[in-house]
């Protein structure tokens, strides 16, 4: 998955405690394995969010 795709994803959020961004999707072990072993690196949970929709969520 490319970082620019994550930057616009609804589930990509900032954690002030750890001072870093992370994916909020709660993947189980099988889902994480399929996602990271897939050669295409396309996130099946990607949801488009622009600056306005992301700001409204906060």
PDB file of N, CA and C in Angstrom:
ATOM      1  N   UNK A   1       0.839  -1.160   0.000  1.00  0.00           N
ATOM      2  CA  UNK A   1       0.000   0.000   0.000  1.00  0.00           C
ATOM      3  C   UNK A   1       0.891   1.232   0.000  1.00  0.00           C
ATOM      4  N   UNK A   2       0.576   2.179  -0.818  1.00  0.00           N
ATOM      5  CA  UNK A   2       1.376   3.390  -0.897  1.00  0.00           C
ATOM      6  C   UNK A   2       0.962   4.336   0.208  1.00  0.00           C
ATOM      7  N   UNK A   3       1.924   5.086   0.712  1.00  0.00           N
ATOM      8  CA  UNK A   3       1.628   5.980   1.828  1.00  0.00           C
ATOM      9  C   UNK A   3       0.633   7.063   1.431  1.00  0.00           C
ATOM     10  N   UNK A   4       0.654   7.505   0.182  1.00  0.00           N
ATOM     11  CA  UNK A   4      -0.289   8.551  -0.200  1.00  0.00           C
ATOM     12  C   UNK A   4      -1.726   8.031  -0.180  1.00  0.00           C
ATOM     13  N   UNK A   5      -1.919   6.719  -0.357  1.00  0.00           N
ATOM     14  CA  UNK A   5      -3.256   6.145  -0.239  1.00  0.00           C
ATOM     15  C   UNK A   5      -3.705   6.183   1.221  1.00  0.00           C
ATOM     16  N   UNK A   6      -2.816   5.869   2.123  1.00  0.00           N
ATOM     17  CA  UNK A   6      -3.150   5.910   3.550  1.00  0.00           C
ATOM     18  C   UNK A   6      -3.479   7.327   4.004  1.00  0.00           C
ATOM     19  N   UNK A   7      -2.774   8.305   3.467  1.00  0.00           N
ATOM     20  CA  UNK A   7      -2.989   9.684   3.893  1.00  0.00           C
ATOM     21  C   UNK A   7      -4.413  10.157   3.656  1.00  0.00           C
ATOM     22  N   UNK A   8      -5.101   9.583   2.685  1.00  0.00           N
ATOM     23  CA  UNK A   8      -6.472  10.002   2.387  1.00  0.00           C
ATOM     24  C   UNK A   8      -7.500   8.996   2.878  1.00  0.00           C
ATOM     25  N   UNK A   9      -7.065   8.003   3.640  1.00  0.00           N
ATOM     26  CA  UNK A   9      -7.981   6.962   4.107  1.00  0.00           C
ATOM     27  C   UNK A   9      -8.717   7.406   5.373  1.00  0.00           C
ATOM     28  N   UNK A  10      -9.976   7.050   5.452  1.00  0.00           N
ATOM     29  CA  UNK A  10     -10.822   7.362   6.604  1.00  0.00           C
ATOM     30  C   UNK A  10     -10.278   6.730   7.884  1.00  0.00           C
ATOM     31  N   UNK A  11      -9.647   5.584   7.775  1.00  0.00           N
ATOM     32  CA  UNK A  11      -9.200   4.824   8.943  1.00  0.00           C
ATOM     33  C   UNK A  11      -7.770   5.149   9.385  1.00  0.00           C
ATOM     34  N   UNK A  12      -7.105   6.070   8.730  1.00  0.00           N
ATOM     35  CA  UNK A  12      -5.735   6.445   9.072  1.00  0.00           C
ATOM     36  C   UNK A  12      -5.800   7.618  10.036  1.00  0.00           C
ATOM     37  N   UNK A  13      -5.324   7.437  11.261  1.00  0.00           N
ATOM     38  CA  UNK A  13      -5.500   8.455  12.287  1.00  0.00           C
ATOM     39  C   UNK A  13      -4.212   8.698  13.050  1.00  0.00           C
ATOM     40  N   UNK A  14      -4.147   9.843  13.705  1.00  0.00           N
ATOM     41  CA  UNK A  14      -2.967  10.248  14.469  1.00  0.00           C
ATOM     42  C   UNK A  14      -3.161   9.914  15.937  1.00  0.00           C
ATOM     43  N   UNK A  15      -2.164   9.328  16.543  1.00  0.00           N
ATOM     44  CA  UNK A  15      -2.190   9.009  17.963  1.00  0.00           C
ATOM     45  C   UNK A  15      -1.235   9.957  18.676  1.00  0.00           C
ATOM     46  N   UNK A  16      -1.795  10.856  19.487  1.00  0.00           N
ATOM     47  CA  UNK A  16      -0.977  11.856  20.172  1.00  0.00           C
ATOM     48  C   UNK A  16      -0.059  11.228  21.210  1.00  0.00           C
ATOM     49  N   UNK A  17      -0.496  10.149  21.835  1.00  0.00           N
ATOM     50  CA  UNK A  17       0.316   9.501  22.864  1.00  0.00           C
ATOM     51  C   UNK A  17       1.619   8.949  22.286  1.00  0.00           C
ATOM     52  N   UNK A  18       1.527   8.299  21.115  1.00  0.00           N
ATOM     53  CA  UNK A  18       2.706   7.716  20.475  1.00  0.00           C
ATOM     54  C   UNK A  18       3.332   8.640  19.438  1.00  0.00           C
ATOM     55  N   UNK A  19       2.673   9.762  19.145  1.00  0.00           N
ATOM     56  CA  UNK A  19       3.159  10.753  18.197  1.00  0.00           C
ATOM     57  C   UNK A  19       3.408  10.142  16.817  1.00  0.00           C
ATOM     58  N   UNK A  20       2.439   9.359  16.333  1.00  0.00           N
ATOM     59  CA  UNK A  20       2.549   8.750  15.015  1.00  0.00           C
ATOM     60  C   UNK A  20       1.167   8.427  14.460  1.00  0.00           C
ATOM     61  N   UNK A  21       1.126   8.207  13.152  1.00  0.00           N
ATOM     62  CA  UNK A  21      -0.103   7.820  12.486  1.00  0.00           C
ATOM     63  C   UNK A  21      -0.218   6.309  12.460  1.00  0.00           C
ATOM     64  N   UNK A  22      -1.447   5.812  12.440  1.00  0.00           N
ATOM     65  CA  UNK A  22      -1.665   4.373  12.405  1.00  0.00           C
ATOM     66  C   UNK A  22      -3.007   4.079  11.750  1.00  0.00           C
ATOM     67  N   UNK A  23      -3.192   2.837  11.344  1.00  0.00           N
ATOM     68  CA  UNK A  23      -4.450   2.398  10.762  1.00  0.00           C
ATOM     69  C   UNK A  23      -5.367   1.935  11.883  1.00  0.00           C
ATOM     70  N   UNK A  24      -6.596   2.429  11.912  1.00  0.00           N
ATOM     71  CA  UNK A  24      -7.534   2.095  12.982  1.00  0.00           C
ATOM     72  C   UNK A  24      -8.307   0.806  12.718  1.00  0.00           C
ATOM     73  N   UNK A  25      -8.123   0.187  11.561  1.00  0.00           N
ATOM     74  CA  UNK A  25      -8.822  -1.065  11.291  1.00  0.00           C
ATOM     75  C   UNK A  25      -8.290  -2.147  12.215  1.00  0.00           C
ATOM     76  N   UNK A  26      -9.189  -2.870  12.833  1.00  0.00           N
ATOM     77  CA  UNK A  26      -8.804  -3.935  13.754  1.00  0.00           C
ATOM     78  C   UNK A  26      -8.752  -5.247  12.971  1.00  0.00           C
ATOM     79  N   UNK A  27      -7.561  -5.567  12.454  1.00  0.00           N
ATOM     80  CA  UNK A  27      -7.387  -6.769  11.651  1.00  0.00           C
ATOM     81  C   UNK A  27      -7.049  -7.950  12.549  1.00  0.00           C
ATOM     82  N   UNK A  28      -7.680  -9.085  12.275  1.00  0.00           N
ATOM     83  CA  UNK A  28      -7.272 -10.279  13.011  1.00  0.00           C
ATOM     84  C   UNK A  28      -6.017 -10.848  12.341  1.00  0.00           C
ATOM     85  N   UNK A  29      -5.466 -11.888  12.886  1.00  0.00           N
ATOM     86  CA  UNK A  29      -4.197 -12.429  12.398  1.00  0.00           C
ATOM     87  C   UNK A  29      -4.284 -12.902  10.954  1.00  0.00           C
ATOM     88  N   UNK A  30      -5.379 -13.544  10.583  1.00  0.00           N
ATOM     89  CA  UNK A  30      -5.532 -14.033   9.202  1.00  0.00           C
ATOM     90  C   UNK A  30      -5.648 -12.883   8.211  1.00  0.00           C
ATOM     91  N   UNK A  31      -6.419 -11.861   8.553  1.00  0.00           N
ATOM     92  CA  UNK A  31      -6.571 -10.712   7.663  1.00  0.00           C
ATOM     93  C   UNK A  31      -5.242  -9.991   7.488  1.00  0.00           C
ATOM     94  N   UNK A  32      -4.502  -9.812   8.559  1.00  0.00           N
ATOM     95  CA  UNK A  32      -3.205  -9.138   8.482  1.00  0.00           C
ATOM     96  C   UNK A  32      -2.242  -9.939   7.597  1.00  0.00           C
ATOM     97  N   UNK A  33      -2.245 -11.256   7.754  1.00  0.00           N
ATOM     98  CA  UNK A  33      -1.370 -12.101   6.921  1.00  0.00           C
ATOM     99  C   UNK A  33      -1.728 -11.960   5.445  1.00  0.00           C
ATOM    100  N   UNK A  34      -3.013 -12.035   5.112  1.00  0.00           N
ATOM    101  CA  UNK A  34      -3.440 -11.903   3.711  1.00  0.00           C
ATOM    102  C   UNK A  34      -3.054 -10.536   3.158  1.00  0.00           C
ATOM    103  N   UNK A  35      -3.236  -9.506   3.950  1.00  0.00           N
ATOM    104  CA  UNK A  35      -2.946  -8.151   3.495  1.00  0.00           C
ATOM    105  C   UNK A  35      -1.452  -7.971   3.229  1.00  0.00           C
ATOM    106  N   UNK A  36      -0.597  -8.406   4.161  1.00  0.00           N
ATOM    107  CA  UNK A  36       0.839  -8.193   4.013  1.00  0.00           C
ATOM    108  C   UNK A  36       1.495  -9.162   3.047  1.00  0.00           C
ATOM    109  N   UNK A  37       0.890 -10.308   2.795  1.00  0.00           N
ATOM    110  CA  UNK A  37       1.486 -11.256   1.858  1.00  0.00           C
ATOM    111  C   UNK A  37       0.982 -11.056   0.429  1.00  0.00           C
ATOM    112  N   UNK A  38      -0.028 -10.225   0.244  1.00  0.00           N
ATOM    113  CA  UNK A  38      -0.571  -9.947  -1.081  1.00  0.00           C
ATOM    114  C   UNK A  38       0.419  -9.096  -1.870  1.00  0.00           C
ATOM    115  N   UNK A  39       0.779  -9.530  -3.050  1.00  0.00           N
ATOM    116  CA  UNK A  39       1.746  -8.811  -3.870  1.00  0.00           C
ATOM    117  C   UNK A  39       1.228  -7.496  -4.411  1.00  0.00           C
ATOM    118  N   UNK A  40      -0.091  -7.357  -4.485  1.00  0.00           N
ATOM    119  CA  UNK A  40      -0.665  -6.133  -5.046  1.00  0.00           C
ATOM    120  C   UNK A  40      -0.610  -4.970  -4.068  1.00  0.00           C
ATOM    121  N   UNK A  41      -0.555  -5.266  -2.773  1.00  0.00           N
ATOM    122  CA  UNK A  41      -0.512  -4.242  -1.728  1.00  0.00           C
ATOM    123  C   UNK A  41      -1.675  -3.263  -1.811  1.00  0.00           C
ATOM    124  N   UNK A  42      -2.849  -3.785  -2.105  1.00  0.00           N
ATOM    125  CA  UNK A  42      -4.058  -2.967  -2.125  1.00  0.00           C
ATOM    126  C   UNK A  42      -4.843  -3.236  -0.853  1.00  0.00           C
ATOM    127  N   UNK A  43      -5.204  -2.201  -0.155  1.00  0.00           N
ATOM    128  CA  UNK A  43      -5.927  -2.348   1.104  1.00  0.00           C
ATOM    129  C   UNK A  43      -7.407  -2.597   0.815  1.00  0.00           C
ATOM    130  N   UNK A  44      -7.953  -3.696   1.310  1.00  0.00           N
ATOM    131  CA  UNK A  44      -9.368  -3.980   1.066  1.00  0.00           C
ATOM    132  C   UNK A  44     -10.301  -3.102   1.897  1.00  0.00           C
ATOM    133  N   UNK A  45      -9.774  -2.393   2.874  1.00  0.00           N
ATOM    134  CA  UNK A  45     -10.603  -1.565   3.758  1.00  0.00           C
ATOM    135  C   UNK A  45     -10.470  -0.080   3.480  1.00  0.00           C
ATOM    136  N   UNK A  46      -9.765   0.274   2.415  1.00  0.00           N
ATOM    137  CA  UNK A  46      -9.569   1.681   2.088  1.00  0.00           C
ATOM    138  C   UNK A  46     -10.919   2.363   1.865  1.00  0.00           C
ATOM    139  N   UNK A  47     -11.094   3.488   2.517  1.00  0.00           N
ATOM    140  CA  UNK A  47     -12.305   4.296   2.345  1.00  0.00           C
ATOM    141  C   UNK A  47     -11.866   5.730   2.146  1.00  0.00           C
ATOM    142  N   UNK A  48     -12.261   6.314   1.025  1.00  0.00           N
ATOM    143  CA  UNK A  48     -11.854   7.676   0.680  1.00  0.00           C
ATOM    144  C   UNK A  48     -12.365   8.661   1.717  1.00  0.00           C
ATOM    145  N   UNK A  49     -11.483   9.513   2.162  1.00  0.00           N
ATOM    146  CA  UNK A  49     -11.858  10.598   3.058  1.00  0.00           C
ATOM    147  C   UNK A  49     -11.048  11.817   2.697  1.00  0.00           C
ATOM    148  N   UNK A  50     -11.709  12.936   2.422  1.00  0.00           N
ATOM    149  CA  UNK A  50     -10.970  14.155   2.108  1.00  0.00           C
ATOM    150  C   UNK A  50     -10.781  14.970   3.385  1.00  0.00           C
ATOM    151  N   UNK A  51     -10.135  16.117   3.278  1.00  0.00           N
ATOM    152  CA  UNK A  51      -9.840  16.926   4.465  1.00  0.00           C
ATOM    153  C   UNK A  51     -11.096  17.321   5.224  1.00  0.00           C
ATOM    154  N   UNK A  52     -12.177  17.585   4.519  1.00  0.00           N
ATOM    155  CA  UNK A  52     -13.398  18.022   5.188  1.00  0.00           C
ATOM    156  C   UNK A  52     -14.096  16.886   5.933  1.00  0.00           C
ATOM    157  N   UNK A  53     -14.174  15.720   5.323  1.00  0.00           N
ATOM    158  CA  UNK A  53     -14.820  14.602   6.022  1.00  0.00           C
ATOM    159  C   UNK A  53     -13.976  14.119   7.183  1.00  0.00           C
ATOM    160  N   UNK A  54     -12.657  14.164   7.026  1.00  0.00           N
ATOM    161  CA  UNK A  54     -11.780  13.753   8.116  1.00  0.00           C
ATOM    162  C   UNK A  54     -11.854  14.741   9.272  1.00  0.00           C
ATOM    163  N   UNK A  55     -11.970  16.033   8.989  1.00  0.00           N
ATOM    164  CA  UNK A  55     -12.055  17.043  10.047  1.00  0.00           C
ATOM    165  C   UNK A  55     -13.388  16.931  10.786  1.00  0.00           C
ATOM    166  N   UNK A  56     -14.463  16.617  10.082  1.00  0.00           N
ATOM    167  CA  UNK A  56     -15.774  16.470  10.740  1.00  0.00           C
ATOM    168  C   UNK A  56     -15.789  15.302  11.707  1.00  0.00           C
ATOM    169  N   UNK A  57     -14.975  14.295  11.448  1.00  0.00           N
ATOM    170  CA  UNK A  57     -14.934  13.117  12.302  1.00  0.00           C
ATOM    171  C   UNK A  57     -14.314  13.448  13.656  1.00  0.00           C
ATOM    172  N   UNK A  58     -13.476  14.450  13.729  1.00  0.00           N
ATOM    173  CA  UNK A  58     -12.768  14.781  14.968  1.00  0.00           C
ATOM    174  C   UNK A  58     -13.645  15.527  15.877  1.00  0.00           C
TER     175      UNK A  58
END
